[in-house]
Amino acid sequence: MSEMQIQNVLQQMRQLTQANGVEGVQGGNQPARVGGADFQNVLRESLRGVNEVQQQASDLQTRFELGDENVSLPQVMVAMSKSSIAFEATNQVRNRLLNAYQEIMRMQV
């Protein structure tokens, strides 16, 4: 994943957390403590947002399979794509955090 793509994913995560009412991440790599938000809260809310997107996609899929006339195939496909992208972004963040943790553990004090 290129640096440009990583920055794009981070920007989308910031937008998601701000849409969910979580403040605390400013532009760049500078964390901020606005309203008591910290990394743990931002991460928790991001994961909740991804879970919510996945549940909505699953619900739309089930409703479509049961023949709900208010749900179309394109709606289901878009929801499933959003869910997949959100999960992949979360997985990439997890990988980056794990790599950072492992690098810190290898440092000699």
PDB file of N, CA and C in Angstrom:
ATOM      1  N   MET A   1       0.856  -1.169   0.000  1.00  0.00           N
ATOM      2  CA  MET A   1       0.000   0.000   0.000  1.00  0.00           C
ATOM      3  C   MET A   1       0.898   1.227   0.000  1.00  0.00           C
ATOM      4  N   SER A   2       0.677   2.132  -0.924  1.00  0.00           N
ATOM      5  CA  SER A   2       1.530   3.307  -1.040  1.00  0.00           C
ATOM      6  C   SER A   2       1.201   4.332   0.039  1.00  0.00           C
ATOM      7  N   GLU A   3       2.107   5.271   0.212  1.00  0.00           N
ATOM      8  CA  GLU A   3       1.927   6.321   1.216  1.00  0.00           C
ATOM      9  C   GLU A   3       0.666   7.143   0.925  1.00  0.00           C
ATOM     10  N   MET A   4       0.391   7.376  -0.357  1.00  0.00           N
ATOM     11  CA  MET A   4      -0.800   8.137  -0.746  1.00  0.00           C
ATOM     12  C   MET A   4      -2.070   7.397  -0.330  1.00  0.00           C
ATOM     13  N   GLN A   5      -2.099   6.094  -0.545  1.00  0.00           N
ATOM     14  CA  GLN A   5      -3.260   5.306  -0.170  1.00  0.00           C
ATOM     15  C   GLN A   5      -3.433   5.265   1.343  1.00  0.00           C
ATOM     16  N   ILE A   6      -2.331   5.171   2.062  1.00  0.00           N
ATOM     17  CA  ILE A   6      -2.394   5.155   3.522  1.00  0.00           C
ATOM     18  C   ILE A   6      -2.954   6.475   4.034  1.00  0.00           C
ATOM     19  N   GLN A   7      -2.474   7.576   3.482  1.00  0.00           N
ATOM     20  CA  GLN A   7      -2.997   8.880   3.894  1.00  0.00           C
ATOM     21  C   GLN A   7      -4.485   9.005   3.591  1.00  0.00           C
ATOM     22  N   ASN A   8      -4.919   8.445   2.453  1.00  0.00           N
ATOM     23  CA  ASN A   8      -6.331   8.462   2.084  1.00  0.00           C
ATOM     24  C   ASN A   8      -7.155   7.663   3.086  1.00  0.00           C
ATOM     25  N   VAL A   9      -6.674   6.493   3.480  1.00  0.00           N
ATOM     26  CA  VAL A   9      -7.374   5.666   4.463  1.00  0.00           C
ATOM     27  C   VAL A   9      -7.453   6.391   5.804  1.00  0.00           C
ATOM     28  N   LEU A  10      -6.348   7.015   6.224  1.00  0.00           N
ATOM     29  CA  LEU A  10      -6.357   7.751   7.487  1.00  0.00           C
ATOM     30  C   LEU A  10      -7.346   8.910   7.446  1.00  0.00           C
ATOM     31  N   GLN A  11      -7.393   9.598   6.317  1.00  0.00           N
ATOM     32  CA  GLN A  11      -8.334  10.702   6.175  1.00  0.00           C
ATOM     33  C   GLN A  11      -9.777  10.206   6.266  1.00  0.00           C
ATOM     34  N   GLN A  12     -10.058   9.072   5.647  1.00  0.00           N
ATOM     35  CA  GLN A  12     -11.401   8.501   5.720  1.00  0.00           C
ATOM     36  C   GLN A  12     -11.747   8.085   7.139  1.00  0.00           C
ATOM     37  N   MET A  13     -10.770   7.551   7.870  1.00  0.00           N
ATOM     38  CA  MET A  13     -11.017   7.180   9.263  1.00  0.00           C
ATOM     39  C   MET A  13     -11.294   8.411  10.115  1.00  0.00           C
ATOM     40  N   ARG A  14     -10.557   9.490   9.835  1.00  0.00           N
ATOM     41  CA  ARG A  14     -10.815  10.732  10.569  1.00  0.00           C
ATOM     42  C   ARG A  14     -12.233  11.223  10.313  1.00  0.00           C
ATOM     43  N   GLN A  15     -12.653  11.165   9.048  1.00  0.00           N
ATOM     44  CA  GLN A  15     -14.001  11.599   8.702  1.00  0.00           C
ATOM     45  C   GLN A  15     -15.046  10.721   9.377  1.00  0.00           C
ATOM     46  N   LEU A  16     -14.807   9.423   9.420  1.00  0.00           N
ATOM     47  CA  LEU A  16     -15.733   8.500  10.075  1.00  0.00           C
ATOM     48  C   LEU A  16     -15.855   8.810  11.557  1.00  0.00           C
ATOM     49  N   THR A  17     -14.716   9.040  12.224  1.00  0.00           N
ATOM     50  CA  THR A  17     -14.772   9.308  13.652  1.00  0.00           C
ATOM     51  C   THR A  17     -15.425  10.655  13.931  1.00  0.00           C
ATOM     52  N   GLN A  18     -15.196  11.635  13.069  1.00  0.00           N
ATOM     53  CA  GLN A  18     -15.844  12.927  13.257  1.00  0.00           C
ATOM     54  C   GLN A  18     -17.340  12.820  13.006  1.00  0.00           C
ATOM     55  N   ALA A  19     -17.744  11.996  12.050  1.00  0.00           N
ATOM     56  CA  ALA A  19     -19.168  11.801  11.776  1.00  0.00           C
ATOM     57  C   ALA A  19     -19.854  11.099  12.935  1.00  0.00           C
ATOM     58  N   ASN A  20     -19.098  10.271  13.670  1.00  0.00           N
ATOM     59  CA  ASN A  20     -19.658   9.568  14.815  1.00  0.00           C
ATOM     60  C   ASN A  20     -19.589  10.400  16.087  1.00  0.00           C
ATOM     61  N   GLY A  21     -19.136  11.642  15.979  1.00  0.00           N
ATOM     62  CA  GLY A  21     -19.111  12.532  17.122  1.00  0.00           C
ATOM     63  C   GLY A  21     -17.852  12.441  17.958  1.00  0.00           C
ATOM     64  N   VAL A  22     -16.819  11.819  17.452  1.00  0.00           N
ATOM     65  CA  VAL A  22     -15.562  11.710  18.182  1.00  0.00           C
ATOM     66  C   VAL A  22     -14.623  12.760  17.636  1.00  0.00           C
ATOM     67  N   GLU A  23     -14.143  13.621  18.511  1.00  0.00           N
ATOM     68  CA  GLU A  23     -13.157  14.622  18.133  1.00  0.00           C
ATOM     69  C   GLU A  23     -11.837  14.200  18.744  1.00  0.00           C
ATOM     70  N   GLY A  24     -10.742  14.676  18.190  1.00  0.00           N
ATOM     71  CA  GLY A  24      -9.487  14.397  18.841  1.00  0.00           C
ATOM     72  C   GLY A  24      -8.356  14.082  17.887  1.00  0.00           C
ATOM     73  N   VAL A  25      -8.607  14.012  16.610  1.00  0.00           N
ATOM     74  CA  VAL A  25      -7.525  13.780  15.660  1.00  0.00           C
ATOM     75  C   VAL A  25      -7.525  14.954  14.698  1.00  0.00           C
ATOM     76  N   GLN A  26      -6.402  15.669  14.683  1.00  0.00           N
ATOM     77  CA  GLN A  26      -6.299  16.810  13.805  1.00  0.00           C
ATOM     78  C   GLN A  26      -5.519  16.425  12.577  1.00  0.00           C
ATOM     79  N   GLY A  27      -5.414  17.343  11.626  1.00  0.00           N
ATOM     80  CA  GLY A  27      -4.668  17.076  10.410  1.00  0.00           C
ATOM     81  C   GLY A  27      -3.229  16.710  10.724  1.00  0.00           C
ATOM     82  N   GLY A  28      -2.626  15.983   9.830  1.00  0.00           N
ATOM     83  CA  GLY A  28      -1.265  15.521  10.053  1.00  0.00           C
ATOM     84  C   GLY A  28      -1.265  14.338  11.003  1.00  0.00           C
ATOM     85  N   ASN A  29      -0.190  14.249  11.759  1.00  0.00           N
ATOM     86  CA  ASN A  29      -0.077  13.144  12.706  1.00  0.00           C
ATOM     87  C   ASN A  29      -0.179  13.628  14.144  1.00  0.00           C
ATOM     88  N   GLN A  30      -0.747  14.803  14.372  1.00  0.00           N
ATOM     89  CA  GLN A  30      -0.800  15.377  15.693  1.00  0.00           C
ATOM     90  C   GLN A  30      -2.086  14.986  16.403  1.00  0.00           C
ATOM     91  N   PRO A  31      -1.999  14.167  17.474  1.00  0.00           N
ATOM     92  CA  PRO A  31      -3.195  13.862  18.248  1.00  0.00           C
ATOM     93  C   PRO A  31      -3.577  15.062  19.101  1.00  0.00           C
ATOM     94  N   ALA A  32      -4.832  15.187  19.380  1.00  0.00           N
ATOM     95  CA  ALA A  32      -5.297  16.282  20.222  1.00  0.00           C
ATOM     96  C   ALA A  32      -6.235  15.717  21.268  1.00  0.00           C
ATOM     97  N   ARG A  33      -6.265  16.359  22.395  1.00  0.00           N
ATOM     98  CA  ARG A  33      -7.165  15.935  23.457  1.00  0.00           C
ATOM     99  C   ARG A  33      -8.312  16.944  23.529  1.00  0.00           C
ATOM    100  N   VAL A  34      -9.245  16.801  22.644  1.00  0.00           N
ATOM    101  CA  VAL A  34     -10.403  17.677  22.610  1.00  0.00           C
ATOM    102  C   VAL A  34     -11.557  16.916  23.237  1.00  0.00           C
ATOM    103  N   GLY A  35     -12.115  17.445  24.297  1.00  0.00           N
ATOM    104  CA  GLY A  35     -13.245  16.793  24.937  1.00  0.00           C
ATOM    105  C   GLY A  35     -12.881  15.446  25.551  1.00  0.00           C
ATOM    106  N   GLY A  36     -11.626  15.245  25.915  1.00  0.00           N
ATOM    107  CA  GLY A  36     -11.227  14.012  26.560  1.00  0.00           C
ATOM    108  C   GLY A  36     -10.999  12.852  25.613  1.00  0.00           C
ATOM    109  N   ALA A  37     -11.079  13.075  24.320  1.00  0.00           N
ATOM    110  CA  ALA A  37     -10.857  11.989  23.368  1.00  0.00           C
ATOM    111  C   ALA A  37      -9.377  11.647  23.322  1.00  0.00           C
ATOM    112  N   ASP A  38      -9.077  10.361  23.313  1.00  0.00           N
ATOM    113  CA  ASP A  38      -7.704   9.926  23.192  1.00  0.00           C
ATOM    114  C   ASP A  38      -7.652   8.794  22.173  1.00  0.00           C
ATOM    115  N   PHE A  39      -6.484   8.251  21.989  1.00  0.00           N
ATOM    116  CA  PHE A  39      -6.303   7.219  20.966  1.00  0.00           C
ATOM    117  C   PHE A  39      -7.232   6.035  21.196  1.00  0.00           C
ATOM    118  N   GLN A  40      -7.357   5.618  22.442  1.00  0.00           N
ATOM    119  CA  GLN A  40      -8.214   4.477  22.754  1.00  0.00           C
ATOM    120  C   GLN A  40      -9.664   4.738  22.346  1.00  0.00           C
ATOM    121  N   ASN A  41     -10.169   5.914  22.663  1.00  0.00           N
ATOM    122  CA  ASN A  41     -11.556   6.234  22.310  1.00  0.00           C
ATOM    123  C   ASN A  41     -11.741   6.348  20.803  1.00  0.00           C
ATOM    124  N   VAL A  42     -10.775   6.954  20.131  1.00  0.00           N
ATOM    125  CA  VAL A  42     -10.869   7.091  18.675  1.00  0.00           C
ATOM    126  C   VAL A  42     -10.851   5.719  18.019  1.00  0.00           C
ATOM    127  N   LEU A  43      -9.966   4.860  18.490  1.00  0.00           N
ATOM    128  CA  LEU A  43      -9.882   3.505  17.948  1.00  0.00           C
ATOM    129  C   LEU A  43     -11.164   2.727  18.218  1.00  0.00           C
ATOM    130  N   ARG A  44     -11.681   2.830  19.426  1.00  0.00           N
ATOM    131  CA  ARG A  44     -12.921   2.128  19.784  1.00  0.00           C
ATOM    132  C   ARG A  44     -14.082   2.595  18.905  1.00  0.00           C
ATOM    133  N   GLU A  45     -14.208   3.893  18.739  1.00  0.00           N
ATOM    134  CA  GLU A  45     -15.308   4.413  17.929  1.00  0.00           C
ATOM    135  C   GLU A  45     -15.141   4.048  16.449  1.00  0.00           C
ATOM    136  N   SER A  46     -13.908   4.016  15.979  1.00  0.00           N
ATOM    137  CA  SER A  46     -13.671   3.596  14.592  1.00  0.00           C
ATOM    138  C   SER A  46     -14.086   2.148  14.392  1.00  0.00           C
ATOM    139  N   LEU A  47     -13.729   1.300  15.346  1.00  0.00           N
ATOM    140  CA  LEU A  47     -14.113  -0.112  15.257  1.00  0.00           C
ATOM    141  C   LEU A  47     -15.624  -0.278  15.342  1.00  0.00           C
ATOM    142  N   ARG A  48     -16.258   0.499  16.180  1.00  0.00           N
ATOM    143  CA  ARG A  48     -17.726   0.450  16.255  1.00  0.00           C
ATOM    144  C   ARG A  48     -18.354   0.886  14.937  1.00  0.00           C
ATOM    145  N   GLY A  49     -17.765   1.906  14.320  1.00  0.00           N
ATOM    146  CA  GLY A  49     -18.273   2.366  13.026  1.00  0.00           C
ATOM    147  C   GLY A  49     -18.142   1.300  11.953  1.00  0.00           C
ATOM    148  N   VAL A  50     -17.000   0.607  11.932  1.00  0.00           N
ATOM    149  CA  VAL A  50     -16.799  -0.470  10.960  1.00  0.00           C
ATOM    150  C   VAL A  50     -17.797  -1.595  11.230  1.00  0.00           C
ATOM    151  N   ASN A  51     -17.985  -1.932  12.493  1.00  0.00           N
ATOM    152  CA  ASN A  51     -18.945  -2.973  12.847  1.00  0.00           C
ATOM    153  C   ASN A  51     -20.361  -2.588  12.415  1.00  0.00           C
ATOM    154  N   GLU A  52     -20.698  -1.332  12.599  1.00  0.00           N
ATOM    155  CA  GLU A  52     -22.025  -0.848  12.205  1.00  0.00           C
ATOM    156  C   GLU A  52     -22.225  -0.954  10.692  1.00  0.00           C
ATOM    157  N   VAL A  53     -21.203  -0.587   9.922  1.00  0.00           N
ATOM    158  CA  VAL A  53     -21.274  -0.688   8.463  1.00  0.00           C
ATOM    159  C   VAL A  53     -21.461  -2.142   8.051  1.00  0.00           C
ATOM    160  N   GLN A  54     -20.741  -3.049   8.715  1.00  0.00           N
ATOM    161  CA  GLN A  54     -20.864  -4.467   8.392  1.00  0.00           C
ATOM    162  C   GLN A  54     -22.243  -5.001   8.747  1.00  0.00           C
ATOM    163  N   GLN A  55     -22.787  -4.575   9.872  1.00  0.00           N
ATOM    164  CA  GLN A  55     -24.120  -5.025  10.271  1.00  0.00           C
ATOM    165  C   GLN A  55     -25.191  -4.498   9.318  1.00  0.00           C
ATOM    166  N   GLN A  56     -25.047  -3.251   8.885  1.00  0.00           N
ATOM    167  CA  GLN A  56     -26.003  -2.692   7.930  1.00  0.00           C
ATOM    168  C   GLN A  56     -25.964  -3.451   6.613  1.00  0.00           C
ATOM    169  N   ALA A  57     -24.766  -3.786   6.151  1.00  0.00           N
ATOM    170  CA  ALA A  57     -24.627  -4.540   4.910  1.00  0.00           C
ATOM    171  C   ALA A  57     -25.252  -5.922   5.046  1.00  0.00           C
ATOM    172  N   SER A  58     -25.026  -6.558   6.172  1.00  0.00           N
ATOM    173  CA  SER A  58     -25.598  -7.881   6.423  1.00  0.00           C
ATOM    174  C   SER A  58     -27.124  -7.810   6.483  1.00  0.00           C
ATOM    175  N   ASP A  59     -27.631  -6.763   7.122  1.00  0.00           N
ATOM    176  CA  ASP A  59     -29.080  -6.581   7.212  1.00  0.00           C
ATOM    177  C   ASP A  59     -29.692  -6.364   5.831  1.00  0.00           C
ATOM    178  N   LEU A  60     -29.065  -5.513   5.019  1.00  0.00           N
ATOM    179  CA  LEU A  60     -29.559  -5.287   3.657  1.00  0.00           C
ATOM    180  C   LEU A  60     -29.530  -6.572   2.839  1.00  0.00           C
ATOM    181  N   GLN A  61     -28.467  -7.344   2.990  1.00  0.00           N
ATOM    182  CA  GLN A  61     -28.350  -8.604   2.256  1.00  0.00           C
ATOM    183  C   GLN A  61     -29.464  -9.562   2.660  1.00  0.00           C
ATOM    184  N   THR A  62     -29.716  -9.677   3.949  1.00  0.00           N
ATOM    185  CA  THR A  62     -30.778 -10.568   4.435  1.00  0.00           C
ATOM    186  C   THR A  62     -32.140 -10.107   3.930  1.00  0.00           C
ATOM    187  N   ARG A  63     -32.386  -8.800   4.012  1.00  0.00           N
ATOM    188  CA  ARG A  63     -33.673  -8.278   3.537  1.00  0.00           C
ATOM    189  C   ARG A  63     -33.853  -8.532   2.045  1.00  0.00           C
ATOM    190  N   PHE A  64     -32.777  -8.374   1.253  1.00  0.00           N
ATOM    191  CA  PHE A  64     -32.856  -8.622  -0.182  1.00  0.00           C
ATOM    192  C   PHE A  64     -33.140 -10.096  -0.452  1.00  0.00           C
ATOM    193  N   GLU A  65     -32.465 -10.975   0.281  1.00  0.00           N
ATOM    194  CA  GLU A  65     -32.664 -12.413   0.101  1.00  0.00           C
ATOM    195  C   GLU A  65     -34.077 -12.848   0.463  1.00  0.00           C
ATOM    196  N   LEU A  66     -34.695 -12.146   1.418  1.00  0.00           N
ATOM    197  CA  LEU A  66     -36.058 -12.479   1.821  1.00  0.00           C
ATOM    198  C   LEU A  66     -37.108 -11.834   0.916  1.00  0.00           C
ATOM    199  N   GLY A  67     -36.664 -11.052  -0.056  1.00  0.00           N
ATOM    200  CA  GLY A  67     -37.585 -10.490  -1.040  1.00  0.00           C
ATOM    201  C   GLY A  67     -38.173  -9.136  -0.686  1.00  0.00           C
ATOM    202  N   ASP A  68     -37.523  -8.394   0.183  1.00  0.00           N
ATOM    203  CA  ASP A  68     -37.991  -7.054   0.528  1.00  0.00           C
ATOM    204  C   ASP A  68     -37.924  -6.177  -0.725  1.00  0.00           C
ATOM    205  N   GLU A  69     -39.047  -5.595  -1.106  1.00  0.00           N
ATOM    206  CA  GLU A  69     -39.109  -4.785  -2.318  1.00  0.00           C
ATOM    207  C   GLU A  69     -38.440  -3.424  -2.156  1.00  0.00           C
ATOM    208  N   ASN A  70     -38.168  -3.016  -0.931  1.00  0.00           N
ATOM    209  CA  ASN A  70     -37.527  -1.721  -0.685  1.00  0.00           C
ATOM    210  C   ASN A  70     -36.006  -1.787  -0.790  1.00  0.00           C
ATOM    211  N   VAL A  71     -35.467  -2.982  -1.003  1.00  0.00           N
ATOM    212  CA  VAL A  71     -34.016  -3.163  -1.084  1.00  0.00           C
ATOM    213  C   VAL A  71     -33.671  -3.690  -2.469  1.00  0.00           C
ATOM    214  N   SER A  72     -32.788  -2.957  -3.158  1.00  0.00           N
ATOM    215  CA  SER A  72     -32.387  -3.377  -4.505  1.00  0.00           C
ATOM    216  C   SER A  72     -30.995  -4.005  -4.472  1.00  0.00           C
ATOM    217  N   LEU A  73     -30.685  -4.740  -5.506  1.00  0.00           N
ATOM    218  CA  LEU A  73     -29.378  -5.379  -5.610  1.00  0.00           C
ATOM    219  C   LEU A  73     -28.233  -4.365  -5.594  1.00  0.00           C
ATOM    220  N   PRO A  74     -28.347  -3.237  -6.325  1.00  0.00           N
ATOM    221  CA  PRO A  74     -27.256  -2.251  -6.250  1.00  0.00           C
ATOM    222  C   PRO A  74     -27.025  -1.714  -4.831  1.00  0.00           C
ATOM    223  N   GLN A  75     -28.092  -1.526  -4.064  1.00  0.00           N
ATOM    224  CA  GLN A  75     -27.942  -1.082  -2.677  1.00  0.00           C
ATOM    225  C   GLN A  75     -27.137  -2.103  -1.877  1.00  0.00           C
ATOM    226  N   VAL A  76     -27.471  -3.360  -2.064  1.00  0.00           N
ATOM    227  CA  VAL A  76     -26.777  -4.433  -1.340  1.00  0.00           C
ATOM    228  C   VAL A  76     -25.309  -4.479  -1.749  1.00  0.00           C
ATOM    229  N   MET A  77     -25.056  -4.381  -3.039  1.00  0.00           N
ATOM    230  CA  MET A  77     -23.677  -4.457  -3.524  1.00  0.00           C
ATOM    231  C   MET A  77     -22.831  -3.279  -3.020  1.00  0.00           C
ATOM    232  N   VAL A  78     -23.399  -2.085  -3.014  1.00  0.00           N
ATOM    233  CA  VAL A  78     -22.671  -0.911  -2.513  1.00  0.00           C
ATOM    234  C   VAL A  78     -22.403  -1.074  -1.020  1.00  0.00           C
ATOM    235  N   ALA A  79     -23.399  -1.522  -0.272  1.00  0.00           N
ATOM    236  CA  ALA A  79     -23.220  -1.717   1.167  1.00  0.00           C
ATOM    237  C   ALA A  79     -22.154  -2.776   1.448  1.00  0.00           C
ATOM    238  N   MET A  80     -22.156  -3.845   0.679  1.00  0.00           N
ATOM    239  CA  MET A  80     -21.158  -4.901   0.866  1.00  0.00           C
ATOM    240  C   MET A  80     -19.760  -4.385   0.503  1.00  0.00           C
ATOM    241  N   SER A  81     -19.663  -3.557  -0.529  1.00  0.00           N
ATOM    242  CA  SER A  81     -18.370  -2.981  -0.904  1.00  0.00           C
ATOM    243  C   SER A  81     -17.851  -2.045   0.180  1.00  0.00           C
ATOM    244  N   LYS A  82     -18.727  -1.208   0.720  1.00  0.00           N
ATOM    245  CA  LYS A  82     -18.330  -0.312   1.812  1.00  0.00           C
ATOM    246  C   LYS A  82     -17.846  -1.120   3.007  1.00  0.00           C
ATOM    247  N   SER A  83     -18.563  -2.183   3.307  1.00  0.00           N
ATOM    248  CA  SER A  83     -18.194  -3.044   4.420  1.00  0.00           C
ATOM    249  C   SER A  83     -16.828  -3.670   4.197  1.00  0.00           C
ATOM    250  N   SER A  84     -16.592  -4.139   3.000  1.00  0.00           N
ATOM    251  CA  SER A  84     -15.313  -4.770   2.669  1.00  0.00           C
ATOM    252  C   SER A  84     -14.163  -3.768   2.758  1.00  0.00           C
ATOM    253  N   ILE A  85     -14.373  -2.569   2.239  1.00  0.00           N
ATOM    254  CA  ILE A  85     -13.337  -1.534   2.275  1.00  0.00           C
ATOM    255  C   ILE A  85     -13.053  -1.102   3.712  1.00  0.00           C
ATOM    256  N   ALA A  86     -14.104  -0.947   4.511  1.00  0.00           N
ATOM    257  CA  ALA A  86     -13.925  -0.560   5.910  1.00  0.00           C
ATOM    258  C   ALA A  86     -13.143  -1.629   6.665  1.00  0.00           C
ATOM    259  N   PHE A  87     -13.456  -2.896   6.407  1.00  0.00           N
ATOM    260  CA  PHE A  87     -12.736  -3.973   7.075  1.00  0.00           C
ATOM    261  C   PHE A  87     -11.270  -4.004   6.638  1.00  0.00           C
ATOM    262  N   GLU A  88     -11.027  -3.839   5.359  1.00  0.00           N
ATOM    263  CA  GLU A  88      -9.654  -3.843   4.850  1.00  0.00           C
ATOM    264  C   GLU A  88      -8.854  -2.684   5.444  1.00  0.00           C
ATOM    265  N   ALA A  89      -9.466  -1.516   5.545  1.00  0.00           N
ATOM    266  CA  ALA A  89      -8.787  -0.365   6.145  1.00  0.00           C
ATOM    267  C   ALA A  89      -8.460  -0.642   7.611  1.00  0.00           C
ATOM    268  N   THR A  90      -9.399  -1.232   8.316  1.00  0.00           N
ATOM    269  CA  THR A  90      -9.176  -1.589   9.718  1.00  0.00           C
ATOM    270  C   THR A  90      -8.040  -2.598   9.842  1.00  0.00           C
ATOM    271  N   ASN A  91      -8.023  -3.557   8.948  1.00  0.00           N
ATOM    272  CA  ASN A  91      -6.967  -4.560   8.954  1.00  0.00           C
ATOM    273  C   ASN A  91      -5.602  -3.920   8.688  1.00  0.00           C
ATOM    274  N   GLN A  92      -5.548  -2.976   7.773  1.00  0.00           N
ATOM    275  CA  GLN A  92      -4.291  -2.277   7.487  1.00  0.00           C
ATOM    276  C   GLN A  92      -3.810  -1.475   8.705  1.00  0.00           C
ATOM    277  N   VAL A  93      -4.738  -0.825   9.393  1.00  0.00           N
ATOM    278  CA  VAL A  93      -4.371  -0.067  10.595  1.00  0.00           C
ATOM    279  C   VAL A  93      -3.851  -1.024  11.662  1.00  0.00           C
ATOM    280  N   ARG A  94      -4.525  -2.165  11.823  1.00  0.00           N
ATOM    281  CA  ARG A  94      -4.074  -3.164  12.790  1.00  0.00           C
ATOM    282  C   ARG A  94      -2.652  -3.627  12.465  1.00  0.00           C
ATOM    283  N   ASN A  95      -2.399  -3.893  11.190  1.00  0.00           N
ATOM    284  CA  ASN A  95      -1.068  -4.332  10.783  1.00  0.00           C
ATOM    285  C   ASN A  95      -0.015  -3.271  11.094  1.00  0.00           C
ATOM    286  N   ARG A  96      -0.353  -2.016  10.830  1.00  0.00           N
ATOM    287  CA  ARG A  96       0.593  -0.929  11.111  1.00  0.00           C
ATOM    288  C   ARG A  96       0.857  -0.810  12.614  1.00  0.00           C
ATOM    289  N   LEU A  97      -0.193  -0.922  13.416  1.00  0.00           N
ATOM    290  CA  LEU A  97      -0.028  -0.847  14.864  1.00  0.00           C
ATOM    291  C   LEU A  97       0.815  -2.011  15.382  1.00  0.00           C
ATOM    292  N   LEU A  98       0.568  -3.188  14.854  1.00  0.00           N
ATOM    293  CA  LEU A  98       1.336  -4.359  15.259  1.00  0.00           C
ATOM    294  C   LEU A  98       2.808  -4.200  14.880  1.00  0.00           C
ATOM    295  N   ASN A  99       3.069  -3.708  13.682  1.00  0.00           N
ATOM    296  CA  ASN A  99       4.458  -3.465  13.265  1.00  0.00           C
ATOM    297  C   ASN A  99       5.128  -2.432  14.160  1.00  0.00           C
ATOM    298  N   ALA A 100       4.413  -1.375  14.499  1.00  0.00           N
ATOM    299  CA  ALA A 100       4.969  -0.342  15.373  1.00  0.00           C
ATOM    300  C   ALA A 100       5.264  -0.911  16.761  1.00  0.00           C
ATOM    301  N   TYR A 101       4.351  -1.710  17.283  1.00  0.00           N
ATOM    302  CA  TYR A 101       4.548  -2.337  18.584  1.00  0.00           C
ATOM    303  C   TYR A 101       5.775  -3.249  18.564  1.00  0.00           C
ATOM    304  N   GLN A 102       5.888  -4.071  17.522  1.00  0.00           N
ATOM    305  CA  GLN A 102       7.026  -4.984  17.419  1.00  0.00           C
ATOM    306  C   GLN A 102       8.343  -4.218  17.300  1.00  0.00           C
ATOM    307  N   GLU A 103       8.329  -3.115  16.571  1.00  0.00           N
ATOM    308  CA  GLU A 103       9.536  -2.308  16.436  1.00  0.00           C
ATOM    309  C   GLU A 103       9.922  -1.687  17.769  1.00  0.00           C
ATOM    310  N   ILE A 104       8.950  -1.220  18.516  1.00  0.00           N
ATOM    311  CA  ILE A 104       9.225  -0.647  19.839  1.00  0.00           C
ATOM    312  C   ILE A 104       9.788  -1.717  20.768  1.00  0.00           C
ATOM    313  N   MET A 105       9.229  -2.921  20.698  1.00  0.00           N
ATOM    314  CA  MET A 105       9.717  -3.995  21.557  1.00  0.00           C
ATOM    315  C   MET A 105      11.152  -4.418  21.207  1.00  0.00           C
ATOM    316  N   ARG A 106      11.561  -4.218  19.965  1.00  0.00           N
ATOM    317  CA  ARG A 106      12.923  -4.566  19.552  1.00  0.00           C
ATOM    318  C   ARG A 106      13.940  -3.501  19.938  1.00  0.00           C
ATOM    319  N   MET A 107      13.465  -2.320  20.300  1.00  0.00           N
ATOM    320  CA  MET A 107      14.397  -1.247  20.662  1.00  0.00           C
ATOM    321  C   MET A 107      15.151  -1.589  21.938  1.00  0.00           C
ATOM    322  N   GLN A 108      16.411  -1.222  21.967  1.00  0.00           N
ATOM    323  CA  GLN A 108      17.228  -1.439  23.152  1.00  0.00           C
ATOM    324  C   GLN A 108      17.180  -0.178  24.006  1.00  0.00           C
ATOM    325  N   VAL A 109      16.930  -0.388  25.264  1.00  0.00           N
ATOM    326  CA  VAL A 109      16.831   0.745  26.181  1.00  0.00           C
ATOM    327  C   VAL A 109      18.124   0.944  26.901  1.00  0.00           C
TER     328      VAL A 109
END
